[in-house]
């Protein structure tokens, strides 16, 4: 049986011990997309959606989610993030979501970036669902990971 970092010798779940790893500056970038109708985008651009400024709320939700990843994803280490940002690219058929997470520490920040994108997308969905029942969320993935 191959060694899996999150399993103990008996096959039980465990948190990986990163105590011996050196602190390094680590960055992860993730992205995803909310696909929606051109009418939804028109309302968003006109700031006429019923729930208000959806991009600002989704940005805050994504940042807050990244900061709370360890409470949402079992076995993730609680991390002292030094930076999280969520940006949006509005197109005629949807909204691109890109999150960057950074810290100096012993473990990567991919899960935090992915969580930021996921929760920002869910927030956009929630805030637009009154006008668009056919939206979809997809393409969530890590696009960059660095350590120095």
N, C-alpha and C. Protein backbone atom coordinates (compact mmCIF):
# COMPACT_ATOMS: atom_id res chain seq x y z
N UNK A 1 0.85 -1.18 0.00
CA UNK A 1 0.00 0.00 0.00
C UNK A 1 0.89 1.24 0.00
N UNK A 2 0.63 2.21 -0.86
CA UNK A 2 1.45 3.41 -0.88
C UNK A 2 1.26 4.22 0.40
N UNK A 3 2.26 5.03 0.73
CA UNK A 3 2.15 5.90 1.89
C UNK A 3 1.33 7.13 1.54
N UNK A 4 0.34 7.41 2.34
CA UNK A 4 -0.47 8.61 2.18
C UNK A 4 -0.23 9.49 3.39
N UNK A 5 0.04 10.75 3.16
CA UNK A 5 0.43 11.64 4.25
C UNK A 5 -0.66 11.85 5.30
N UNK A 6 -1.91 11.69 4.92
CA UNK A 6 -3.00 11.93 5.85
C UNK A 6 -3.56 10.65 6.48
N UNK A 7 -2.82 9.55 6.34
CA UNK A 7 -3.22 8.29 6.97
C UNK A 7 -2.11 7.81 7.89
N UNK A 8 -2.50 7.34 9.07
CA UNK A 8 -1.51 6.76 9.97
C UNK A 8 -1.25 5.30 9.56
N UNK A 9 -0.29 4.61 10.18
CA UNK A 9 0.03 3.25 9.77
C UNK A 9 -1.15 2.27 9.81
N UNK A 10 -2.15 2.56 10.65
CA UNK A 10 -3.32 1.69 10.73
C UNK A 10 -4.41 2.10 9.74
N UNK A 11 -4.17 3.14 8.94
CA UNK A 11 -5.16 3.57 7.96
C UNK A 11 -6.11 4.63 8.46
N UNK A 12 -5.90 5.12 9.68
CA UNK A 12 -6.76 6.17 10.22
C UNK A 12 -6.33 7.55 9.75
N UNK A 13 -7.26 8.48 9.81
CA UNK A 13 -6.98 9.85 9.39
C UNK A 13 -6.07 10.54 10.41
N UNK A 14 -5.19 11.38 9.89
CA UNK A 14 -4.32 12.16 10.77
C UNK A 14 -3.96 13.48 10.08
N UNK A 15 -3.63 14.45 10.91
CA UNK A 15 -3.11 15.71 10.40
C UNK A 15 -1.60 15.53 10.21
N UNK A 16 -1.09 15.98 9.09
CA UNK A 16 0.33 15.85 8.80
C UNK A 16 1.12 16.74 9.75
N UNK A 17 2.22 16.20 10.29
CA UNK A 17 3.10 16.98 11.16
C UNK A 17 4.08 17.75 10.29
N UNK A 18 3.93 19.07 10.24
CA UNK A 18 4.82 19.92 9.43
C UNK A 18 5.84 20.65 10.31
N UNK A 19 5.92 20.28 11.58
CA UNK A 19 6.78 20.98 12.54
C UNK A 19 8.24 21.07 12.15
N UNK A 20 8.76 20.07 11.46
CA UNK A 20 10.18 20.06 11.10
C UNK A 20 10.47 20.80 9.78
N UNK A 21 9.44 21.18 9.08
CA UNK A 21 9.64 21.86 7.79
C UNK A 21 10.07 23.31 8.03
N UNK A 22 10.89 23.86 7.14
CA UNK A 22 11.31 25.26 7.31
C UNK A 22 10.20 26.22 6.89
N UNK A 23 10.20 27.38 7.52
CA UNK A 23 9.29 28.44 7.09
C UNK A 23 9.75 28.95 5.72
N UNK A 24 8.80 29.11 4.82
CA UNK A 24 9.07 29.64 3.49
C UNK A 24 7.91 30.54 3.09
N UNK A 25 8.19 31.52 2.23
CA UNK A 25 7.09 32.31 1.68
C UNK A 25 6.38 31.44 0.66
N UNK A 26 5.09 31.29 0.82
CA UNK A 26 4.28 30.43 -0.04
C UNK A 26 3.10 31.22 -0.59
N UNK A 27 2.84 30.99 -1.86
CA UNK A 27 1.72 31.66 -2.54
C UNK A 27 0.96 30.63 -3.35
N UNK A 28 -0.34 30.76 -3.37
CA UNK A 28 -1.17 29.94 -4.25
C UNK A 28 -2.22 30.84 -4.90
N UNK A 29 -2.48 30.54 -6.16
CA UNK A 29 -3.51 31.26 -6.92
C UNK A 29 -4.49 30.22 -7.43
N UNK A 30 -5.77 30.48 -7.23
CA UNK A 30 -6.82 29.58 -7.73
C UNK A 30 -7.80 30.43 -8.54
N UNK A 31 -8.52 29.75 -9.40
CA UNK A 31 -9.54 30.45 -10.16
C UNK A 31 -10.73 29.55 -10.42
N UNK A 32 -11.82 30.17 -10.78
CA UNK A 32 -13.06 29.47 -11.12
C UNK A 32 -13.96 30.44 -11.86
N UNK A 33 -15.19 29.99 -12.11
CA UNK A 33 -16.08 30.82 -12.93
C UNK A 33 -17.53 30.56 -12.58
N UNK A 34 -18.28 31.64 -12.54
CA UNK A 34 -19.74 31.57 -12.46
C UNK A 34 -20.26 31.91 -13.85
N UNK A 35 -20.91 30.95 -14.47
CA UNK A 35 -21.52 31.18 -15.78
C UNK A 35 -22.96 31.62 -15.54
N UNK A 36 -23.36 32.71 -16.22
CA UNK A 36 -24.71 33.22 -16.04
C UNK A 36 -25.18 33.89 -17.33
N UNK A 37 -26.40 34.33 -17.31
CA UNK A 37 -27.00 34.91 -18.52
C UNK A 37 -26.47 36.33 -18.76
N UNK A 38 -26.49 36.76 -20.02
CA UNK A 38 -26.13 38.15 -20.32
C UNK A 38 -27.02 39.16 -19.56
N UNK A 39 -28.26 38.80 -19.31
CA UNK A 39 -29.16 39.70 -18.57
C UNK A 39 -28.66 39.89 -17.14
N UNK A 40 -28.17 38.83 -16.53
CA UNK A 40 -27.63 38.93 -15.17
C UNK A 40 -26.42 39.86 -15.16
N UNK A 41 -25.55 39.71 -16.16
CA UNK A 41 -24.37 40.56 -16.25
C UNK A 41 -24.78 42.01 -16.48
N UNK A 42 -25.80 42.22 -17.29
CA UNK A 42 -26.30 43.57 -17.54
C UNK A 42 -26.77 44.23 -16.24
N UNK A 43 -27.51 43.46 -15.43
CA UNK A 43 -27.98 43.97 -14.14
C UNK A 43 -26.82 44.23 -13.19
N UNK A 44 -25.84 43.34 -13.20
CA UNK A 44 -24.67 43.52 -12.35
C UNK A 44 -23.93 44.81 -12.72
N UNK A 45 -23.68 44.99 -14.00
CA UNK A 45 -22.96 46.19 -14.46
C UNK A 45 -23.73 47.47 -14.14
N UNK A 46 -25.05 47.39 -14.17
CA UNK A 46 -25.88 48.55 -13.86
C UNK A 46 -26.10 48.72 -12.36
N UNK A 47 -25.51 47.81 -11.58
CA UNK A 47 -25.71 47.80 -10.11
C UNK A 47 -27.20 47.76 -9.77
N UNK A 48 -27.92 46.92 -10.53
CA UNK A 48 -29.37 46.83 -10.38
C UNK A 48 -29.83 45.46 -9.89
N UNK A 49 -28.93 44.62 -9.41
CA UNK A 49 -29.35 43.32 -8.86
C UNK A 49 -30.06 43.56 -7.52
N UNK A 50 -31.08 42.76 -7.23
CA UNK A 50 -31.89 42.99 -6.02
C UNK A 50 -31.10 42.96 -4.71
N UNK A 51 -29.99 42.20 -4.66
CA UNK A 51 -29.24 42.10 -3.40
C UNK A 51 -28.07 43.07 -3.32
N UNK A 52 -27.96 43.99 -4.28
CA UNK A 52 -26.96 45.03 -4.15
C UNK A 52 -25.64 44.75 -4.83
N UNK A 53 -24.57 45.24 -4.23
CA UNK A 53 -23.21 45.17 -4.80
C UNK A 53 -22.63 43.78 -4.60
N UNK A 54 -22.94 42.88 -5.52
CA UNK A 54 -22.59 41.48 -5.35
C UNK A 54 -21.08 41.24 -5.39
N UNK A 55 -20.34 41.98 -6.18
CA UNK A 55 -18.90 41.74 -6.27
C UNK A 55 -18.19 42.09 -4.96
N UNK A 56 -18.58 43.17 -4.33
CA UNK A 56 -17.96 43.53 -3.05
C UNK A 56 -18.28 42.49 -1.98
N UNK A 57 -19.52 42.08 -1.92
CA UNK A 57 -19.91 41.07 -0.92
C UNK A 57 -19.20 39.75 -1.19
N UNK A 58 -19.10 39.34 -2.45
CA UNK A 58 -18.43 38.09 -2.79
C UNK A 58 -16.93 38.16 -2.48
N UNK A 59 -16.33 39.30 -2.68
CA UNK A 59 -14.90 39.47 -2.35
C UNK A 59 -14.68 39.29 -0.85
N UNK A 60 -15.50 39.95 -0.06
CA UNK A 60 -15.38 39.83 1.40
C UNK A 60 -15.64 38.38 1.83
N UNK A 61 -16.63 37.75 1.24
CA UNK A 61 -16.93 36.35 1.58
C UNK A 61 -15.76 35.44 1.25
N UNK A 62 -15.13 35.64 0.10
CA UNK A 62 -13.99 34.82 -0.29
C UNK A 62 -12.81 35.00 0.64
N UNK A 63 -12.52 36.25 1.00
CA UNK A 63 -11.41 36.51 1.93
C UNK A 63 -11.70 35.88 3.29
N UNK A 64 -12.91 36.06 3.78
CA UNK A 64 -13.29 35.48 5.07
C UNK A 64 -13.20 33.95 5.03
N UNK A 65 -13.61 33.37 3.93
CA UNK A 65 -13.55 31.91 3.80
C UNK A 65 -12.11 31.41 3.84
N UNK A 66 -11.21 32.09 3.13
CA UNK A 66 -9.80 31.68 3.14
C UNK A 66 -9.27 31.68 4.57
N UNK A 67 -9.64 32.69 5.34
CA UNK A 67 -9.17 32.81 6.72
C UNK A 67 -9.73 31.70 7.61
N UNK A 68 -10.79 31.05 7.18
CA UNK A 68 -11.45 30.02 7.99
C UNK A 68 -11.35 28.63 7.38
N UNK A 69 -10.45 28.42 6.46
CA UNK A 69 -10.35 27.13 5.76
C UNK A 69 -10.18 25.96 6.73
N UNK A 70 -9.37 26.13 7.75
CA UNK A 70 -9.12 25.02 8.69
C UNK A 70 -10.38 24.59 9.43
N UNK A 71 -11.37 25.48 9.54
CA UNK A 71 -12.64 25.10 10.18
C UNK A 71 -13.56 24.38 9.21
N UNK A 72 -13.29 24.51 7.92
CA UNK A 72 -14.17 23.93 6.90
C UNK A 72 -13.65 22.62 6.32
N UNK A 73 -12.33 22.48 6.19
CA UNK A 73 -11.73 21.32 5.54
C UNK A 73 -11.00 20.50 6.60
N UNK A 74 -11.45 19.29 6.86
CA UNK A 74 -10.79 18.46 7.87
C UNK A 74 -9.31 18.26 7.55
N UNK A 75 -8.50 18.29 8.59
CA UNK A 75 -7.06 18.02 8.54
C UNK A 75 -6.23 19.15 7.95
N UNK A 76 -6.85 20.26 7.54
CA UNK A 76 -6.08 21.42 7.11
C UNK A 76 -5.50 22.11 8.35
N UNK A 77 -4.29 22.60 8.20
CA UNK A 77 -3.65 23.34 9.29
C UNK A 77 -4.24 24.75 9.37
N UNK A 78 -4.46 25.26 10.57
CA UNK A 78 -4.84 26.67 10.68
C UNK A 78 -3.61 27.51 10.34
N UNK A 79 -3.78 28.46 9.45
CA UNK A 79 -2.64 29.21 8.94
C UNK A 79 -2.78 30.70 9.25
N UNK A 80 -1.64 31.32 9.49
CA UNK A 80 -1.59 32.77 9.69
C UNK A 80 -1.32 33.42 8.33
N UNK A 81 -2.38 33.64 7.59
CA UNK A 81 -2.24 34.21 6.25
C UNK A 81 -1.74 35.65 6.34
N UNK A 82 -0.82 36.00 5.45
CA UNK A 82 -0.34 37.38 5.40
C UNK A 82 -1.06 38.19 4.33
N UNK A 83 -1.71 37.49 3.38
CA UNK A 83 -2.41 38.19 2.30
C UNK A 83 -3.44 37.26 1.68
N UNK A 84 -4.60 37.79 1.42
CA UNK A 84 -5.63 37.12 0.62
C UNK A 84 -6.29 38.19 -0.22
N UNK A 85 -6.49 37.89 -1.50
CA UNK A 85 -7.23 38.81 -2.35
C UNK A 85 -8.10 38.00 -3.30
N UNK A 86 -9.22 38.55 -3.66
CA UNK A 86 -10.15 37.94 -4.60
C UNK A 86 -10.48 38.99 -5.64
N UNK A 87 -10.29 38.63 -6.91
CA UNK A 87 -10.58 39.54 -8.02
C UNK A 87 -11.58 38.90 -8.97
N UNK A 88 -12.30 39.74 -9.69
CA UNK A 88 -13.32 39.28 -10.62
C UNK A 88 -13.07 39.86 -12.01
N UNK A 89 -13.38 39.06 -13.01
CA UNK A 89 -13.37 39.50 -14.39
C UNK A 89 -14.77 39.28 -14.93
N UNK A 90 -15.45 40.36 -15.24
CA UNK A 90 -16.84 40.26 -15.70
C UNK A 90 -16.85 40.20 -17.22
N UNK A 91 -17.47 39.15 -17.75
CA UNK A 91 -17.64 38.97 -19.19
C UNK A 91 -19.14 38.94 -19.49
N UNK A 92 -19.50 38.90 -20.75
CA UNK A 92 -20.92 38.93 -21.12
C UNK A 92 -21.68 37.68 -20.69
N UNK A 93 -20.97 36.59 -20.45
CA UNK A 93 -21.64 35.32 -20.10
C UNK A 93 -21.22 34.76 -18.75
N UNK A 94 -20.58 35.59 -17.93
CA UNK A 94 -20.20 35.09 -16.62
C UNK A 94 -19.15 35.93 -15.93
N UNK A 95 -18.70 35.43 -14.80
CA UNK A 95 -17.75 36.14 -13.96
C UNK A 95 -16.60 35.20 -13.62
N UNK A 96 -15.40 35.58 -14.01
CA UNK A 96 -14.20 34.85 -13.62
C UNK A 96 -13.81 35.27 -12.22
N UNK A 97 -13.37 34.31 -11.43
CA UNK A 97 -12.99 34.55 -10.04
C UNK A 97 -11.56 34.08 -9.86
N UNK A 98 -10.71 34.92 -9.27
CA UNK A 98 -9.30 34.57 -9.06
C UNK A 98 -8.93 34.98 -7.64
N UNK A 99 -8.38 34.04 -6.88
CA UNK A 99 -7.97 34.31 -5.50
C UNK A 99 -6.49 34.02 -5.34
N UNK A 100 -5.83 34.88 -4.58
CA UNK A 100 -4.43 34.71 -4.24
C UNK A 100 -4.32 34.65 -2.72
N UNK A 101 -3.59 33.66 -2.22
CA UNK A 101 -3.34 33.54 -0.79
C UNK A 101 -1.83 33.45 -0.57
N UNK A 102 -1.35 34.09 0.50
CA UNK A 102 0.08 34.11 0.76
C UNK A 102 0.35 34.04 2.26
N UNK A 103 1.48 33.44 2.61
CA UNK A 103 1.95 33.41 3.98
C UNK A 103 3.43 33.06 4.00
N UNK A 104 4.03 33.21 5.15
CA UNK A 104 5.34 32.65 5.41
C UNK A 104 5.11 31.57 6.46
N UNK A 105 5.35 30.32 6.07
CA UNK A 105 5.05 29.23 6.98
C UNK A 105 5.55 27.89 6.46
N UNK A 106 5.06 26.83 7.09
CA UNK A 106 5.54 25.48 6.86
C UNK A 106 4.72 24.66 5.87
N UNK A 107 3.59 25.20 5.46
CA UNK A 107 2.71 24.44 4.57
C UNK A 107 2.09 25.38 3.53
N UNK A 108 1.66 24.81 2.43
CA UNK A 108 1.11 25.59 1.33
C UNK A 108 -0.25 26.17 1.62
N UNK A 109 -0.69 27.04 0.72
CA UNK A 109 -1.95 27.77 0.89
C UNK A 109 -2.93 27.50 -0.24
N UNK A 110 -2.77 26.35 -0.91
CA UNK A 110 -3.68 26.02 -2.01
C UNK A 110 -5.12 25.90 -1.54
N UNK A 111 -5.33 25.25 -0.40
CA UNK A 111 -6.70 25.06 0.07
C UNK A 111 -7.36 26.39 0.41
N UNK A 112 -6.58 27.33 0.90
CA UNK A 112 -7.13 28.65 1.22
C UNK A 112 -7.53 29.39 -0.05
N UNK A 113 -6.71 29.32 -1.08
CA UNK A 113 -7.05 29.97 -2.35
C UNK A 113 -8.28 29.31 -2.98
N UNK A 114 -8.32 27.99 -2.97
CA UNK A 114 -9.47 27.26 -3.52
C UNK A 114 -10.75 27.56 -2.74
N UNK A 115 -10.64 27.64 -1.42
CA UNK A 115 -11.80 27.95 -0.60
C UNK A 115 -12.30 29.36 -0.87
N UNK A 116 -11.37 30.30 -1.04
CA UNK A 116 -11.77 31.68 -1.36
C UNK A 116 -12.56 31.73 -2.66
N UNK A 117 -12.07 31.05 -3.70
CA UNK A 117 -12.77 31.03 -4.99
C UNK A 117 -14.14 30.37 -4.83
N UNK A 118 -14.18 29.25 -4.16
CA UNK A 118 -15.43 28.49 -4.01
C UNK A 118 -16.50 29.31 -3.30
N UNK A 119 -16.13 29.92 -2.19
CA UNK A 119 -17.12 30.68 -1.42
C UNK A 119 -17.50 31.98 -2.13
N UNK A 120 -16.56 32.60 -2.82
CA UNK A 120 -16.92 33.78 -3.62
C UNK A 120 -17.92 33.39 -4.70
N UNK A 121 -17.69 32.25 -5.35
CA UNK A 121 -18.63 31.78 -6.39
C UNK A 121 -20.00 31.47 -5.79
N UNK A 122 -20.03 30.82 -4.65
CA UNK A 122 -21.30 30.51 -4.00
C UNK A 122 -22.03 31.79 -3.60
N UNK A 123 -21.29 32.78 -3.16
CA UNK A 123 -21.90 34.05 -2.78
C UNK A 123 -22.49 34.75 -4.00
N UNK A 124 -21.73 34.77 -5.10
CA UNK A 124 -22.27 35.35 -6.34
C UNK A 124 -23.56 34.62 -6.74
N UNK A 125 -23.53 33.30 -6.68
CA UNK A 125 -24.70 32.51 -7.04
C UNK A 125 -25.89 32.92 -6.16
N UNK A 126 -25.65 32.97 -4.85
CA UNK A 126 -26.73 33.30 -3.92
C UNK A 126 -27.30 34.69 -4.20
N UNK A 127 -26.43 35.62 -4.51
CA UNK A 127 -26.89 37.00 -4.70
C UNK A 127 -27.53 37.25 -6.06
N UNK A 128 -27.32 36.33 -7.00
CA UNK A 128 -27.89 36.49 -8.35
C UNK A 128 -29.04 35.53 -8.63
N UNK A 129 -29.28 34.57 -7.76
CA UNK A 129 -30.25 33.51 -8.06
C UNK A 129 -31.67 34.01 -8.25
N UNK A 130 -32.00 35.16 -7.70
CA UNK A 130 -33.36 35.69 -7.87
C UNK A 130 -33.65 36.06 -9.32
N UNK A 131 -32.59 36.36 -10.10
CA UNK A 131 -32.80 36.77 -11.49
C UNK A 131 -32.30 35.74 -12.50
N UNK A 132 -31.61 34.69 -12.02
CA UNK A 132 -31.00 33.73 -12.96
C UNK A 132 -30.99 32.34 -12.32
N UNK A 133 -31.90 31.51 -12.77
CA UNK A 133 -32.02 30.15 -12.21
C UNK A 133 -31.11 29.13 -12.91
N UNK A 134 -30.45 29.53 -13.98
CA UNK A 134 -29.66 28.58 -14.77
C UNK A 134 -28.14 28.78 -14.61
N UNK A 135 -27.71 29.48 -13.59
CA UNK A 135 -26.28 29.71 -13.39
C UNK A 135 -25.56 28.41 -13.07
N UNK A 136 -24.25 28.39 -13.32
CA UNK A 136 -23.44 27.25 -12.92
C UNK A 136 -22.06 27.73 -12.47
N UNK A 137 -21.48 26.95 -11.58
CA UNK A 137 -20.14 27.21 -11.04
C UNK A 137 -19.23 26.12 -11.56
N UNK A 138 -18.04 26.49 -12.01
CA UNK A 138 -17.13 25.46 -12.50
C UNK A 138 -15.71 25.95 -12.66
N UNK A 139 -14.88 25.02 -13.09
CA UNK A 139 -13.49 25.33 -13.41
C UNK A 139 -12.63 25.70 -12.23
N UNK A 140 -13.03 25.34 -11.03
CA UNK A 140 -12.26 25.73 -9.85
C UNK A 140 -11.01 24.86 -9.79
N UNK A 141 -9.85 25.55 -9.76
CA UNK A 141 -8.58 24.83 -9.78
C UNK A 141 -7.45 25.74 -9.31
N UNK A 142 -6.35 25.13 -8.89
CA UNK A 142 -5.12 25.87 -8.58
C UNK A 142 -4.41 26.14 -9.89
N UNK A 143 -4.02 27.38 -10.12
CA UNK A 143 -3.32 27.74 -11.36
C UNK A 143 -1.87 28.12 -11.11
N UNK A 144 -1.52 28.34 -9.86
CA UNK A 144 -0.14 28.70 -9.53
C UNK A 144 0.15 28.36 -8.08
N UNK A 145 1.34 27.86 -7.84
CA UNK A 145 1.78 27.53 -6.49
C UNK A 145 3.27 27.78 -6.43
N UNK A 146 3.71 28.62 -5.49
CA UNK A 146 5.13 28.91 -5.38
C UNK A 146 5.57 28.86 -3.92
N UNK A 147 6.85 28.61 -3.72
CA UNK A 147 7.46 28.74 -2.41
C UNK A 147 8.90 29.19 -2.59
N UNK A 148 9.35 30.02 -1.66
CA UNK A 148 10.71 30.54 -1.75
C UNK A 148 11.35 30.58 -0.38
